[in-house]
């Protein structure tokens, strides 16, 4: 199985579950590649900062859905402390 190369964030690499979800949708992948590395970093941190597996799955799905809707950063989140 080969991994599709997609752009990472500033401080974070794209985790496998998020990579799989983003590469499964051409619209989500195009939106991902269109946002800044800092914005990608915030999405990655937003996904990885949760504790429960079910919350993480929800966040991964929301990244895809919200990017397709045109959102460029996680809403109502203080942001990644790795900026």
N, C-alpha and C. Protein backbone atom coordinates (compact mmCIF):
# COMPACT_ATOMS: atom_id res chain seq x y z
N UNK A 1 0.85 -1.18 0.00
CA UNK A 1 0.00 0.00 0.00
C UNK A 1 0.90 1.24 0.00
N UNK A 2 0.66 2.14 -0.93
CA UNK A 2 1.46 3.36 -0.99
C UNK A 2 0.70 4.51 -0.37
N UNK A 3 1.46 5.39 0.26
CA UNK A 3 0.86 6.58 0.85
C UNK A 3 0.90 7.70 -0.16
N UNK A 4 -0.20 8.40 -0.32
CA UNK A 4 -0.20 9.57 -1.17
C UNK A 4 0.49 10.69 -0.41
N UNK A 5 1.32 11.43 -1.10
CA UNK A 5 2.00 12.55 -0.46
C UNK A 5 1.07 13.74 -0.41
N UNK A 6 0.92 14.27 0.78
CA UNK A 6 0.17 15.50 0.94
C UNK A 6 0.96 16.41 1.85
N UNK A 7 0.72 17.68 1.76
CA UNK A 7 1.47 18.66 2.53
C UNK A 7 1.16 18.55 4.01
N UNK A 8 2.20 18.77 4.82
CA UNK A 8 2.06 18.74 6.28
C UNK A 8 1.84 20.14 6.82
N UNK A 9 1.80 20.22 8.13
CA UNK A 9 1.72 21.51 8.79
C UNK A 9 3.10 22.05 9.09
N UNK A 10 3.17 23.08 9.91
CA UNK A 10 4.43 23.69 10.29
C UNK A 10 5.19 22.79 11.27
N UNK A 11 4.50 22.29 12.28
CA UNK A 11 5.13 21.49 13.33
C UNK A 11 4.65 20.05 13.33
N UNK A 12 3.63 19.73 12.57
CA UNK A 12 3.02 18.40 12.63
C UNK A 12 3.01 17.74 11.26
N UNK A 13 3.22 16.42 11.28
CA UNK A 13 3.02 15.60 10.09
C UNK A 13 1.55 15.17 10.07
N UNK A 14 1.06 14.85 8.91
CA UNK A 14 -0.33 14.42 8.79
C UNK A 14 -0.45 12.98 9.31
N UNK A 15 -1.26 12.75 10.34
CA UNK A 15 -1.43 11.38 10.85
C UNK A 15 -2.13 10.50 9.81
N UNK A 16 -1.89 9.20 9.91
CA UNK A 16 -2.41 8.27 8.90
C UNK A 16 -3.92 8.30 8.76
N UNK A 17 -4.67 8.41 9.86
CA UNK A 17 -6.12 8.42 9.75
C UNK A 17 -6.62 9.66 9.01
N UNK A 18 -6.00 10.79 9.26
CA UNK A 18 -6.38 12.02 8.57
C UNK A 18 -5.95 11.97 7.11
N UNK A 19 -4.75 11.45 6.86
CA UNK A 19 -4.26 11.31 5.47
C UNK A 19 -5.21 10.46 4.65
N UNK A 20 -5.64 9.34 5.22
CA UNK A 20 -6.55 8.42 4.51
C UNK A 20 -7.87 9.13 4.17
N UNK A 21 -8.39 9.87 5.13
CA UNK A 21 -9.66 10.58 4.91
C UNK A 21 -9.51 11.67 3.86
N UNK A 22 -8.43 12.44 3.95
CA UNK A 22 -8.23 13.54 2.99
C UNK A 22 -8.00 13.02 1.58
N UNK A 23 -7.23 11.94 1.45
CA UNK A 23 -6.94 11.41 0.11
C UNK A 23 -8.11 10.64 -0.49
N UNK A 24 -9.13 10.36 0.32
CA UNK A 24 -10.31 9.66 -0.21
C UNK A 24 -11.28 10.61 -0.90
N UNK A 25 -11.04 11.91 -0.78
CA UNK A 25 -11.91 12.90 -1.38
C UNK A 25 -11.07 13.93 -2.13
N UNK A 26 -11.26 14.01 -3.44
CA UNK A 26 -10.47 14.97 -4.22
C UNK A 26 -10.78 16.41 -3.82
N UNK A 27 -12.03 16.68 -3.43
CA UNK A 27 -12.40 18.04 -3.01
C UNK A 27 -11.71 18.40 -1.69
N UNK A 28 -11.70 17.46 -0.75
CA UNK A 28 -11.04 17.71 0.54
C UNK A 28 -9.54 17.87 0.35
N UNK A 29 -8.95 17.04 -0.48
CA UNK A 29 -7.51 17.11 -0.72
C UNK A 29 -7.14 18.43 -1.40
N UNK A 30 -7.93 18.87 -2.36
CA UNK A 30 -7.67 20.15 -3.02
C UNK A 30 -7.77 21.30 -2.03
N UNK A 31 -8.77 21.25 -1.16
CA UNK A 31 -8.92 22.30 -0.14
C UNK A 31 -7.75 22.27 0.83
N UNK A 32 -7.32 21.07 1.22
CA UNK A 32 -6.17 20.92 2.13
C UNK A 32 -4.92 21.55 1.53
N UNK A 33 -4.68 21.28 0.27
CA UNK A 33 -3.49 21.80 -0.40
C UNK A 33 -3.58 23.32 -0.62
N UNK A 34 -4.79 23.86 -0.57
CA UNK A 34 -4.99 25.29 -0.81
C UNK A 34 -4.81 26.13 0.46
N UNK A 35 -4.85 25.50 1.64
CA UNK A 35 -4.70 26.28 2.87
C UNK A 35 -3.22 26.40 3.22
N UNK A 36 -2.91 27.33 4.11
CA UNK A 36 -1.52 27.58 4.49
C UNK A 36 -0.99 26.45 5.38
N UNK A 37 0.33 26.31 5.44
CA UNK A 37 0.90 25.32 6.35
C UNK A 37 0.48 25.55 7.81
N UNK A 38 0.33 26.80 8.20
CA UNK A 38 -0.11 27.10 9.56
C UNK A 38 -1.54 26.61 9.80
N UNK A 39 -2.41 26.80 8.81
CA UNK A 39 -3.79 26.31 8.93
C UNK A 39 -3.81 24.78 8.96
N UNK A 40 -2.98 24.14 8.13
CA UNK A 40 -2.91 22.67 8.16
C UNK A 40 -2.43 22.20 9.53
N UNK A 41 -1.46 22.90 10.09
CA UNK A 41 -0.94 22.58 11.41
C UNK A 41 -2.06 22.63 12.46
N UNK A 42 -2.91 23.64 12.37
CA UNK A 42 -4.01 23.76 13.34
C UNK A 42 -5.01 22.63 13.19
N UNK A 43 -5.34 22.24 11.96
CA UNK A 43 -6.25 21.11 11.77
C UNK A 43 -5.64 19.85 12.35
N UNK A 44 -4.36 19.60 12.08
CA UNK A 44 -3.70 18.39 12.58
C UNK A 44 -3.72 18.38 14.10
N UNK A 45 -3.35 19.49 14.71
CA UNK A 45 -3.32 19.57 16.16
C UNK A 45 -4.73 19.40 16.74
N UNK A 46 -5.72 19.94 16.06
CA UNK A 46 -7.11 19.81 16.50
C UNK A 46 -7.53 18.35 16.52
N UNK A 47 -7.07 17.58 15.54
CA UNK A 47 -7.39 16.15 15.47
C UNK A 47 -6.63 15.37 16.55
N UNK A 48 -5.37 15.67 16.72
CA UNK A 48 -4.53 14.86 17.62
C UNK A 48 -4.63 15.26 19.08
N UNK A 49 -5.24 16.38 19.38
CA UNK A 49 -5.28 16.85 20.76
C UNK A 49 -6.39 16.23 21.61
N UNK A 50 -7.30 15.49 20.99
CA UNK A 50 -8.39 14.88 21.74
C UNK A 50 -7.95 13.56 22.37
N UNK A 51 -8.68 13.12 23.38
CA UNK A 51 -8.28 11.93 24.13
C UNK A 51 -9.04 10.67 23.72
N UNK A 52 -10.31 10.80 23.42
CA UNK A 52 -11.12 9.62 23.13
C UNK A 52 -11.06 9.26 21.64
N UNK A 53 -10.94 7.96 21.33
CA UNK A 53 -10.90 7.53 19.93
C UNK A 53 -12.14 7.97 19.13
N UNK A 54 -13.31 7.91 19.76
CA UNK A 54 -14.52 8.30 19.02
C UNK A 54 -14.54 9.80 18.72
N UNK A 55 -13.98 10.60 19.61
CA UNK A 55 -13.88 12.04 19.35
C UNK A 55 -12.91 12.30 18.22
N UNK A 56 -11.81 11.58 18.22
CA UNK A 56 -10.83 11.74 17.14
C UNK A 56 -11.44 11.37 15.80
N UNK A 57 -12.16 10.25 15.74
CA UNK A 57 -12.82 9.87 14.48
C UNK A 57 -13.77 10.97 14.02
N UNK A 58 -14.50 11.55 14.95
CA UNK A 58 -15.41 12.65 14.63
C UNK A 58 -14.63 13.85 14.09
N UNK A 59 -13.52 14.17 14.71
CA UNK A 59 -12.71 15.32 14.25
C UNK A 59 -12.15 15.07 12.85
N UNK A 60 -11.67 13.86 12.60
CA UNK A 60 -11.13 13.54 11.27
C UNK A 60 -12.21 13.73 10.21
N UNK A 61 -13.40 13.23 10.49
CA UNK A 61 -14.52 13.38 9.54
C UNK A 61 -14.86 14.85 9.36
N UNK A 62 -14.88 15.60 10.46
CA UNK A 62 -15.21 17.03 10.37
C UNK A 62 -14.17 17.81 9.59
N UNK A 63 -12.89 17.43 9.69
CA UNK A 63 -11.87 18.11 8.88
C UNK A 63 -12.25 18.00 7.41
N UNK A 64 -12.53 16.78 6.97
CA UNK A 64 -12.90 16.57 5.56
C UNK A 64 -14.13 17.38 5.19
N UNK A 65 -15.18 17.24 5.98
CA UNK A 65 -16.45 17.91 5.67
C UNK A 65 -16.31 19.43 5.68
N UNK A 66 -15.62 19.96 6.69
CA UNK A 66 -15.51 21.41 6.81
C UNK A 66 -14.59 22.01 5.75
N UNK A 67 -13.54 21.29 5.36
CA UNK A 67 -12.71 21.78 4.25
C UNK A 67 -13.52 21.85 2.96
N UNK A 68 -14.32 20.82 2.72
CA UNK A 68 -15.16 20.81 1.51
C UNK A 68 -16.16 21.97 1.54
N UNK A 69 -16.65 22.31 2.75
CA UNK A 69 -17.59 23.43 2.89
C UNK A 69 -16.90 24.79 2.74
N UNK A 70 -15.57 24.80 2.73
CA UNK A 70 -14.85 26.06 2.54
C UNK A 70 -14.19 26.62 3.78
N UNK A 71 -14.31 25.93 4.90
CA UNK A 71 -13.65 26.41 6.12
C UNK A 71 -12.15 26.19 5.99
N UNK A 72 -11.38 27.15 6.48
CA UNK A 72 -9.94 27.08 6.34
C UNK A 72 -9.21 26.77 7.65
N UNK A 73 -9.90 26.90 8.77
CA UNK A 73 -9.32 26.62 10.09
C UNK A 73 -10.39 26.03 10.99
N UNK A 74 -9.98 25.30 12.04
CA UNK A 74 -10.98 24.79 12.98
C UNK A 74 -11.72 25.95 13.64
N UNK A 75 -13.01 25.84 13.73
CA UNK A 75 -13.84 26.91 14.28
C UNK A 75 -13.90 26.81 15.80
N UNK A 76 -13.87 27.95 16.43
CA UNK A 76 -14.09 28.04 17.88
C UNK A 76 -13.08 27.21 18.67
N UNK A 77 -11.85 27.23 18.24
CA UNK A 77 -10.78 26.50 18.90
C UNK A 77 -9.64 27.47 19.10
N UNK A 78 -9.02 27.45 20.25
CA UNK A 78 -7.99 28.44 20.56
C UNK A 78 -6.75 28.30 19.68
N UNK A 79 -6.59 27.19 19.07
CA UNK A 79 -5.49 27.02 18.13
C UNK A 79 -4.37 26.16 18.69
N UNK A 80 -3.53 25.78 17.81
CA UNK A 80 -2.40 24.91 18.14
C UNK A 80 -1.35 25.69 18.92
N UNK A 81 -0.89 25.11 20.01
CA UNK A 81 0.13 25.80 20.79
C UNK A 81 1.53 25.60 20.22
N UNK A 82 1.64 24.96 19.09
CA UNK A 82 2.92 24.73 18.44
C UNK A 82 3.23 25.77 17.37
N UNK A 83 2.46 26.85 17.31
CA UNK A 83 2.64 27.84 16.26
C UNK A 83 3.94 28.55 16.43
